[in-house]
Amino acid sequence: MASKLAGAISDGAFKVLLGAALAVSPAFGSLFGVPAWLMVVTGSAVLISGTVEIVYGPRRSMAACVRLMFVYDIGWTVATAVALGVAWLGSTAGGEIWAGYQAVASLAFAVLLLRAPASAAPATPSATPVQPSTPDATAGEHAP
């Protein structure tokens, strides 16, 4: 459980760093062949997603968190493969496909994580039912 939690937090930290880099560096827009505003939007969405993952990941069901990360990463892989294929065919839409996926999927990830079930709260002493004690055999006797 601790390794999954560490994985979720490190995944969120990676998204925060990537989002900040995409949002503030104009070089990424030219590298991907997209307008600077799209990289700012994409970077902001990824940054928000990473922040939500760091803050709310530990508070949510780890199964739900891992499932969301898995689906997001599969989508990232597919979007990257499609974007590379489109670029290889000579189109300039590859960067827009990749950036568009990142923006939409990151915000969807954040919303779904916020709506995921909370993790089980640890048991508290007051939540433990009190068992009635059986009468002591010496209860009828009085101490001298």
Protein backbone atom coordinates (compact mmCIF):
# COMPACT_ATOMS: atom_id res chain seq x y z
CA MET A 1 0.00 0.00 0.00
CA ALA A 2 2.82 2.41 0.83
CA SER A 3 4.50 1.78 -2.53
CA LYS A 4 1.25 2.54 -4.38
CA LEU A 5 0.85 5.74 -2.39
CA ALA A 6 4.44 6.73 -3.18
CA GLY A 7 3.74 5.95 -6.83
CA ALA A 8 0.66 8.17 -6.87
CA ILE A 9 2.48 11.04 -5.21
CA SER A 10 5.48 10.73 -7.54
CA ASP A 11 3.15 10.57 -10.55
CA GLY A 12 1.54 13.79 -9.34
CA ALA A 13 4.93 15.40 -8.80
CA PHE A 14 5.96 14.49 -12.35
CA LYS A 15 2.75 16.08 -13.67
CA VAL A 16 3.39 19.24 -11.65
CA LEU A 17 6.91 19.57 -13.07
CA LEU A 18 5.81 18.76 -16.63
CA GLY A 19 2.83 21.10 -16.39
CA ALA A 20 4.97 23.96 -15.13
CA ALA A 21 7.53 23.39 -17.89
CA LEU A 22 4.87 23.24 -20.61
CA ALA A 23 3.10 26.33 -19.32
CA VAL A 24 6.11 28.63 -19.02
CA SER A 25 8.48 27.53 -21.77
CA PRO A 26 7.73 28.82 -25.27
CA ALA A 27 10.19 26.25 -26.64
CA PHE A 28 7.66 23.45 -26.12
CA GLY A 29 5.11 25.14 -28.36
CA SER A 30 7.58 25.41 -31.21
CA LEU A 31 8.88 21.89 -30.56
CA PHE A 32 5.38 20.45 -30.88
CA GLY A 33 4.36 22.85 -33.64
CA VAL A 34 1.46 24.33 -31.68
CA PRO A 35 0.61 27.88 -30.66
CA ALA A 36 2.00 29.11 -27.35
CA TRP A 37 -1.50 29.58 -25.89
CA LEU A 38 -2.24 25.87 -26.39
CA MET A 39 0.89 24.92 -24.47
CA VAL A 40 -0.06 27.32 -21.66
CA VAL A 41 -3.54 25.74 -21.47
CA THR A 42 -2.09 22.22 -21.66
CA GLY A 43 0.58 22.94 -19.07
CA SER A 44 -1.95 24.52 -16.72
CA ALA A 45 -4.25 21.50 -17.01
CA VAL A 46 -1.41 19.06 -16.34
CA LEU A 47 -0.24 21.20 -13.40
CA ILE A 48 -3.74 21.20 -11.90
CA SER A 49 -4.04 17.45 -12.38
CA GLY A 50 -0.71 16.81 -10.66
CA THR A 51 -1.60 19.05 -7.75
CA VAL A 52 -4.96 17.30 -7.28
CA GLU A 53 -3.19 13.93 -7.42
CA ILE A 54 -0.65 14.92 -4.75
CA VAL A 55 -3.26 16.43 -2.42
CA TYR A 56 -6.21 14.06 -2.91
CA GLY A 57 -4.49 10.83 -4.00
CA PRO A 58 -3.66 9.81 -0.41
CA ARG A 59 -7.23 10.59 0.67
CA ARG A 60 -8.89 8.46 -2.01
CA SER A 61 -9.27 4.74 -2.49
CA MET A 62 -5.91 3.51 -3.73
CA ALA A 63 -7.66 1.10 -6.11
CA ALA A 64 -9.52 4.00 -7.73
CA CYS A 65 -6.36 6.10 -7.86
CA VAL A 66 -4.32 3.34 -9.52
CA ARG A 67 -7.13 2.62 -11.99
CA LEU A 68 -7.30 6.29 -12.99
CA MET A 69 -3.52 6.52 -13.39
CA PHE A 70 -3.55 3.36 -15.53
CA VAL A 71 -6.28 4.64 -17.86
CA TYR A 72 -4.64 8.07 -18.12
CA ASP A 73 -1.25 6.56 -18.96
CA ILE A 74 -2.74 4.17 -21.54
CA GLY A 75 -4.45 7.17 -23.15
CA TRP A 76 -1.18 9.09 -23.06
CA THR A 77 0.57 6.22 -24.83
CA VAL A 78 -2.14 5.94 -27.50
CA ALA A 79 -2.28 9.72 -28.04
CA THR A 80 1.50 9.85 -28.35
CA ALA A 81 1.53 6.97 -30.86
CA VAL A 82 -1.22 8.61 -32.92
CA ALA A 83 0.51 12.00 -32.77
CA LEU A 84 3.82 10.46 -33.89
CA GLY A 85 2.07 8.57 -36.70
CA VAL A 86 0.33 11.72 -37.91
CA ALA A 87 3.60 13.65 -37.76
CA TRP A 88 5.44 10.86 -39.59
CA LEU A 89 2.87 11.11 -42.40
CA GLY A 90 3.78 14.78 -42.77
CA SER A 91 0.87 16.44 -41.00
CA THR A 92 1.38 19.23 -38.49
CA ALA A 93 -1.54 18.05 -36.35
CA GLY A 94 0.55 15.66 -34.23
CA GLY A 95 1.42 18.27 -31.62
CA GLU A 96 -2.18 19.42 -31.41
CA ILE A 97 -3.38 15.84 -30.89
CA TRP A 98 -0.87 15.30 -28.08
CA ALA A 99 -1.45 18.68 -26.41
CA GLY A 100 -5.22 18.34 -26.76
CA TYR A 101 -5.18 14.91 -25.12
CA GLN A 102 -3.05 16.21 -22.26
CA ALA A 103 -5.35 19.16 -21.61
CA VAL A 104 -8.62 17.20 -21.72
CA ALA A 105 -7.40 14.00 -20.04
CA SER A 106 -5.61 15.87 -17.25
CA LEU A 107 -8.73 17.79 -16.28
CA ALA A 108 -10.87 14.65 -16.57
CA PHE A 109 -8.38 12.80 -14.34
CA ALA A 110 -8.55 15.57 -11.73
CA VAL A 111 -12.36 15.62 -11.72
CA LEU A 112 -12.64 11.82 -11.51
CA LEU A 113 -10.07 11.66 -8.71
CA LEU A 114 -11.96 14.31 -6.75
CA ARG A 115 -15.16 12.27 -7.17
CA ALA A 116 -13.50 8.93 -6.31
CA PRO A 117 -14.52 7.26 -3.05
CA ALA A 118 -12.56 8.29 0.01
CA SER A 119 -10.20 5.79 1.54
CA ALA A 120 -11.45 3.87 4.54
CA ALA A 121 -10.97 5.74 7.77
CA PRO A 122 -8.96 3.97 10.42
CA ALA A 123 -10.97 2.39 13.20
CA THR A 124 -11.36 4.51 16.28
CA PRO A 125 -11.92 3.28 19.81
CA SER A 126 -15.38 4.87 19.87
CA ALA A 127 -16.35 2.92 16.75
CA THR A 128 -15.71 -0.39 18.52
CA PRO A 129 -18.94 -1.78 19.97
CA VAL A 130 -18.91 -2.23 23.70
CA GLN A 131 -19.60 -5.80 24.79
CA PRO A 132 -21.66 -6.14 27.95
CA SER A 133 -19.67 -7.81 30.67
CA THR A 134 -20.92 -10.97 32.26
CA PRO A 135 -21.73 -10.73 35.94
CA ASP A 136 -18.84 -11.72 38.15
CA ALA A 137 -19.46 -14.76 40.28
CA THR A 138 -18.31 -12.80 43.32
CA ALA A 139 -20.52 -9.81 42.57
CA GLY A 140 -22.99 -10.74 45.25
CA GLU A 141 -20.31 -10.82 47.92
CA HIS A 142 -19.31 -7.69 49.73
CA ALA A 143 -15.78 -6.89 50.52
CA PRO A 144 -15.06 -6.51 54.25
